[in-house]
Protein backbone atom coordinates (compact mmCIF):
# COMPACT_ATOMS: atom_id res chain seq x y z
CA MET A 1 -59.86 27.38 -0.70
CA LYS A 2 -56.31 28.45 -0.22
CA PRO A 3 -54.81 31.04 -2.60
CA ARG A 4 -52.65 29.73 -5.24
CA THR A 5 -49.42 31.56 -4.32
CA PRO A 6 -46.83 29.94 -6.39
CA TYR A 7 -49.24 30.83 -9.44
CA LYS A 8 -49.59 34.31 -8.28
CA VAL A 9 -45.83 34.72 -7.91
CA PHE A 10 -45.09 33.36 -11.37
CA ARG A 11 -47.87 35.57 -12.95
CA VAL A 12 -46.34 38.56 -11.37
CA VAL A 13 -42.78 37.53 -12.41
CA ALA A 14 -44.01 36.76 -15.78
CA LEU A 15 -45.53 40.16 -16.22
CA VAL A 16 -42.37 41.91 -14.82
CA VAL A 17 -40.40 40.34 -17.24
CA VAL A 18 -42.59 41.06 -20.50
CA VAL A 19 -42.88 44.43 -19.41
CA LEU A 20 -39.21 45.17 -19.04
CA SER A 21 -38.45 43.30 -22.48
CA LEU A 22 -40.84 45.71 -23.84
CA ILE A 23 -40.00 48.76 -22.17
CA ALA A 24 -36.07 48.29 -22.07
CA PRO A 25 -35.64 49.11 -25.80
CA LEU A 26 -37.63 52.36 -25.52
CA LEU A 27 -35.82 53.39 -22.02
CA TRP A 28 -32.63 52.88 -24.05
CA MET A 29 -33.54 54.73 -27.10
CA ILE A 30 -34.54 57.85 -24.84
CA ALA A 31 -31.33 57.67 -22.74
CA ALA A 32 -29.16 57.42 -26.14
CA SER A 33 -30.72 60.32 -27.33
CA PHE A 34 -29.23 62.48 -24.30
CA LYS A 35 -25.96 61.01 -25.20
CA THR A 36 -22.95 61.80 -27.59
CA ASN A 37 -21.78 59.10 -29.86
CA VAL A 38 -18.83 58.42 -27.89
CA ASP A 39 -21.00 57.93 -24.77
CA ILE A 40 -23.16 55.52 -26.43
CA TYR A 41 -20.38 53.21 -27.39
CA ASP A 42 -18.73 53.44 -24.14
CA THR A 43 -20.56 50.87 -21.95
CA GLY A 44 -19.23 52.19 -18.86
CA LYS A 45 -21.48 55.05 -19.27
CA ALA A 46 -24.55 53.05 -20.15
CA LEU A 47 -26.39 54.31 -16.75
CA VAL A 48 -24.35 57.28 -15.74
CA PHE A 49 -23.43 59.93 -18.08
CA SER A 50 -23.82 63.67 -18.66
CA PRO A 51 -26.74 64.43 -20.84
CA THR A 52 -26.78 66.59 -23.56
CA VAL A 53 -29.76 68.03 -25.73
CA GLU A 54 -27.35 68.63 -28.73
CA ASN A 55 -28.85 65.58 -30.43
CA TYR A 56 -32.45 67.25 -30.07
CA ALA A 57 -31.15 70.87 -31.45
CA ASN A 58 -29.58 69.03 -34.29
CA VAL A 59 -32.95 67.40 -35.08
CA LEU A 60 -35.28 70.10 -34.57
CA LYS A 61 -33.06 73.07 -36.16
CA GLN A 62 -30.63 71.89 -38.58
CA ALA A 63 -32.32 68.71 -39.80
CA HIS A 64 -35.56 70.58 -40.58
CA TYR A 65 -37.71 68.04 -38.54
CA VAL A 66 -40.56 70.78 -37.81
CA GLN A 67 -41.06 70.39 -41.81
CA PHE A 68 -41.13 66.45 -41.61
CA ILE A 69 -43.49 66.46 -38.50
CA GLY A 70 -45.89 69.13 -40.13
CA ASN A 71 -45.79 66.41 -43.61
CA SER A 72 -46.69 63.45 -41.32
CA LEU A 73 -49.44 65.49 -39.52
CA TRP A 74 -50.81 66.30 -42.87
CA VAL A 75 -50.54 62.90 -44.67
CA ALA A 76 -52.15 61.24 -41.58
CA PHE A 77 -54.85 63.67 -41.10
CA ALA A 78 -56.00 63.82 -44.63
CA ALA A 79 -55.62 59.92 -45.13
CA THR A 80 -57.73 59.48 -41.91
CA VAL A 81 -60.52 61.94 -42.83
CA LEU A 82 -60.70 61.03 -46.25
CA SER A 83 -60.92 57.27 -45.45
CA LEU A 84 -63.64 57.88 -42.74
CA ILE A 85 -65.58 60.03 -45.36
CA LEU A 86 -65.75 57.10 -47.62
CA GLY A 87 -65.36 53.98 -45.31
CA VAL A 88 -67.99 54.57 -42.73
CA PRO A 89 -71.12 54.89 -45.29
CA ALA A 90 -69.70 51.83 -46.98
CA ALA A 91 -69.77 49.96 -43.83
CA TYR A 92 -73.06 50.90 -43.17
CA SER A 93 -74.29 49.71 -46.50
CA MET A 94 -72.54 46.25 -46.41
CA SER A 95 -73.76 45.75 -42.71
CA ARG A 96 -77.49 46.67 -43.51
CA PHE A 97 -77.66 45.22 -46.87
CA ASN A 98 -75.58 41.89 -46.20
CA MET A 99 -72.96 42.91 -48.79
CA ARG A 100 -70.57 40.13 -47.65
CA LYS A 101 -68.96 39.40 -50.89
CA SER A 102 -68.08 43.14 -51.12
CA ALA A 103 -66.85 42.76 -47.78
CA LEU A 104 -64.48 40.16 -48.91
CA VAL A 105 -63.16 42.20 -51.50
CA VAL A 106 -62.31 44.75 -49.06
CA LEU A 107 -60.78 42.16 -46.57
CA MET A 108 -58.71 40.88 -49.56
CA ALA A 109 -57.24 44.44 -50.17
CA ARG A 110 -56.43 44.65 -46.38
CA VAL A 111 -54.32 41.37 -46.24
CA ILE A 112 -52.42 42.10 -49.51
CA PRO A 113 -48.87 42.74 -48.59
CA GLY A 114 -48.19 46.41 -49.51
CA VAL A 115 -44.74 45.91 -50.67
CA SER A 116 -46.25 43.88 -53.69
CA LEU A 117 -48.10 46.87 -54.75
CA LEU A 118 -45.19 49.43 -54.60
CA VAL A 119 -43.50 48.58 -58.03
CA PRO A 120 -46.96 49.13 -59.98
CA TRP A 121 -47.82 51.97 -57.89
CA TYR A 122 -44.54 53.68 -58.56
CA TYR A 123 -45.02 53.07 -62.46
CA VAL A 124 -48.33 54.48 -62.57
CA PHE A 125 -47.97 57.42 -60.31
CA SER A 126 -44.44 58.14 -61.95
CA ASN A 127 -46.51 58.59 -65.40
CA LEU A 128 -48.92 60.56 -63.99
CA LYS A 129 -46.12 63.11 -62.51
CA MET A 130 -47.56 62.30 -59.03
CA VAL A 131 -44.42 60.86 -57.27
CA GLY A 132 -43.09 63.04 -54.59
CA GLY A 133 -46.17 64.86 -53.78
CA PHE A 134 -48.79 64.75 -50.85
CA GLY A 135 -51.51 63.18 -53.08
CA VAL A 136 -49.77 60.21 -53.79
CA LEU A 137 -48.80 59.48 -50.20
CA ILE A 138 -52.42 59.96 -49.17
CA LEU A 139 -53.73 57.56 -51.62
CA SER A 140 -51.20 55.05 -50.61
CA HIS A 141 -52.05 55.22 -46.77
CA MET A 142 -55.76 55.03 -47.63
CA PHE A 143 -55.24 51.70 -49.23
CA VAL A 144 -54.74 50.38 -45.91
CA SER A 145 -56.73 52.86 -43.86
CA LEU A 146 -60.02 52.53 -45.73
CA PRO A 147 -60.18 48.74 -45.39
CA LEU A 148 -59.28 48.87 -41.58
CA ILE A 149 -62.10 51.53 -41.11
CA VAL A 150 -64.67 49.53 -43.08
CA TYR A 151 -63.81 46.36 -40.94
CA ILE A 152 -64.12 48.15 -37.75
CA MET A 153 -67.30 50.11 -38.72
CA MET A 154 -68.91 47.00 -39.90
CA GLY A 155 -68.65 45.36 -36.49
CA PHE A 156 -69.93 48.32 -34.81
CA PHE A 157 -72.95 48.53 -37.22
CA ASP A 158 -73.79 45.01 -36.74
CA GLY A 159 -74.00 45.84 -33.16
CA LEU A 160 -76.54 48.70 -33.34
CA PRO A 161 -80.25 47.72 -33.08
CA GLU A 162 -82.31 48.00 -36.43
CA GLU A 163 -85.40 48.88 -34.73
CA LEU A 164 -83.87 52.36 -34.23
CA GLU A 165 -83.66 52.97 -37.95
CA GLU A 166 -86.87 51.29 -38.58
CA ALA A 167 -88.73 53.49 -36.26
CA ALA A 168 -86.92 56.53 -37.93
CA LEU A 169 -88.38 55.28 -41.35
CA VAL A 170 -91.83 54.94 -39.85
CA ASP A 171 -91.66 58.68 -38.77
CA GLY A 172 -90.97 59.44 -42.44
CA LEU A 173 -87.14 59.66 -42.78
CA THR A 174 -85.32 57.96 -45.77
CA HIS A 175 -82.46 55.42 -45.24
CA ILE A 176 -80.15 58.21 -45.84
CA GLY A 177 -82.00 60.38 -43.18
CA ALA A 178 -82.01 57.63 -40.63
CA PHE A 179 -78.38 57.08 -41.23
CA ARG A 180 -77.47 60.71 -40.89
CA ARG A 181 -79.86 61.57 -37.85
CA ILE A 182 -79.85 58.07 -35.95
CA THR A 183 -76.92 55.78 -36.80
CA LEU A 184 -74.17 58.24 -37.37
CA PRO A 185 -74.60 59.86 -33.82
CA LEU A 186 -74.80 56.40 -32.14
CA SER A 187 -71.51 55.38 -34.16
CA VAL A 188 -69.38 58.10 -32.89
CA PRO A 189 -67.27 55.93 -30.64
CA GLY A 190 -66.66 53.55 -33.62
CA ILE A 191 -65.83 56.25 -35.66
CA ALA A 192 -63.21 57.83 -32.99
CA THR A 193 -61.48 54.27 -32.47
CA ALA A 194 -61.31 53.84 -36.44
CA GLY A 195 -59.95 57.23 -36.88
CA ILE A 196 -57.45 56.84 -34.15
CA LEU A 197 -56.01 53.47 -35.33
CA SER A 198 -55.95 55.04 -39.04
CA PHE A 199 -53.93 58.02 -37.84
CA ILE A 200 -51.46 55.75 -36.00
CA PHE A 201 -50.87 53.50 -38.83
CA SER A 202 -50.21 56.68 -41.12
CA TRP A 203 -48.08 58.23 -38.74
CA ASN A 204 -46.14 54.99 -38.37
CA ASN A 205 -45.94 54.20 -42.15
CA PHE A 206 -42.31 53.68 -43.44
CA MET A 207 -42.27 51.66 -46.70
CA PHE A 208 -44.94 53.76 -48.67
CA ALA A 209 -43.35 56.91 -47.90
CA LEU A 210 -39.82 55.75 -48.71
CA VAL A 211 -40.62 54.90 -52.04
CA LEU A 212 -43.22 57.62 -52.98
CA SER A 213 -42.38 60.78 -51.11
CA GLY A 214 -40.10 63.47 -52.31
CA ALA A 215 -37.37 65.64 -50.69
CA ASN A 216 -40.11 68.20 -49.43
CA THR A 217 -42.74 65.65 -48.57
CA LYS A 218 -40.68 63.23 -46.61
CA THR A 219 -42.53 62.03 -43.45
CA LEU A 220 -40.71 61.54 -39.90
CA PRO A 221 -40.04 57.69 -40.42
CA VAL A 222 -38.34 58.18 -43.72
CA ALA A 223 -36.44 61.32 -42.52
CA ILE A 224 -34.70 59.17 -39.74
CA PHE A 225 -32.67 57.73 -42.50
CA ASP A 226 -31.01 61.06 -42.93
CA PHE A 227 -28.84 60.09 -39.93
CA VAL A 228 -27.59 57.06 -41.75
CA GLY A 229 -24.37 57.66 -43.65
CA TYR A 230 -22.40 55.36 -45.96
CA ALA A 231 -19.33 55.44 -43.71
CA SER A 232 -20.96 56.13 -40.35
CA ILE A 233 -23.98 56.49 -38.33
CA ASP A 234 -25.04 59.45 -35.99
CA TRP A 235 -26.53 57.38 -33.23
CA GLY A 236 -27.09 60.36 -30.78
CA GLY A 237 -29.18 62.07 -33.91
CA LEU A 238 -30.98 58.79 -34.88
CA MET A 239 -32.03 58.21 -31.32
CA ALA A 240 -33.30 61.63 -30.81
CA ALA A 241 -35.22 61.31 -34.24
CA ALA A 242 -36.79 58.04 -33.34
CA THR A 243 -37.81 59.42 -29.96
CA VAL A 244 -39.40 62.39 -31.75
CA VAL A 245 -41.31 59.78 -33.84
CA THR A 246 -42.21 57.41 -31.25
CA LEU A 247 -43.35 59.41 -28.00
CA PRO A 248 -46.23 61.49 -29.50
CA ILE A 249 -47.96 58.53 -30.90
CA MET A 250 -47.14 56.57 -27.49
CA LEU A 251 -48.85 59.51 -25.61
CA ILE A 252 -52.08 59.49 -27.91
CA ALA A 253 -52.15 55.78 -27.56
CA LEU A 254 -51.80 55.94 -23.77
CA PHE A 255 -54.53 58.67 -23.54
CA VAL A 256 -56.96 57.21 -25.91
CA GLN A 257 -56.48 53.51 -25.11
CA LYS A 258 -59.90 53.19 -23.33
CA TYR A 259 -61.91 54.77 -26.03
CA VAL A 260 -60.27 52.25 -28.56
CA VAL A 261 -60.97 49.50 -26.38
CA SER A 262 -64.58 50.49 -25.83
CA GLY A 263 -65.01 51.19 -29.65
CA LEU A 264 -63.78 47.92 -30.57
CA THR A 265 -65.85 45.96 -28.07
CA ALA A 266 -68.87 47.91 -28.62
CA GLY A 267 -69.85 45.95 -31.91
CA ALA A 268 -69.15 42.35 -30.03
CA THR A 269 -72.68 41.86 -29.19
CA LYS A 270 -75.75 42.17 -31.46
CA GLY A 271 -78.43 44.10 -30.40
């Protein structure tokens, strides 16, 4: 059978077009972060220009971005850990005891637009004097991270054979003991996948932090707006700040993508 040369050519061309359309904005952002504002507006220096690191110096030193990086790390880490502590046992219970109605409630919390909750959240947390602190940011991020973890882990637990736990029960373990000693070690790939996706969401979240954070608790996505003024925009600083936000999470996703894929597909089959 002759190879379908036209199809292969079309597939290669389509892949190149898609990849370039996705990478081109990122490459432009990185290149612009090494330009002055004058060079950014000069179309003749789109490819050939004299690079400068002044934008990064401004971001990391004058704009206090090291503090904002720490804020983002703390909020993302705390929200992910707390969501895992609550979500993994909840997913196990829903999976093993067929709590599908409870799972439906969790799904409803997952699909509700977050923007519809910001006004009541702000009203409640402002009355509790919590707006501007890390606690309210962590709780708001958990609203999305927790349902995400529950649904990922439910699929993973559905794919684990129940015979292993039944054998543990025969040997004298309780349901909690079987979960802790048998099921939990086997579910490490799923937990890693859920934790990575939860961390990425918290790191990239902008909407919740914009409304609920304070001057000392701003996260990186919100801090980017410091370069947007009323009369002008510091494009060089803005692109450098956006690069600082984007590259770490892209590197994390690049190195852990095989673990994410294996974790998501582990619960695709039963038994």
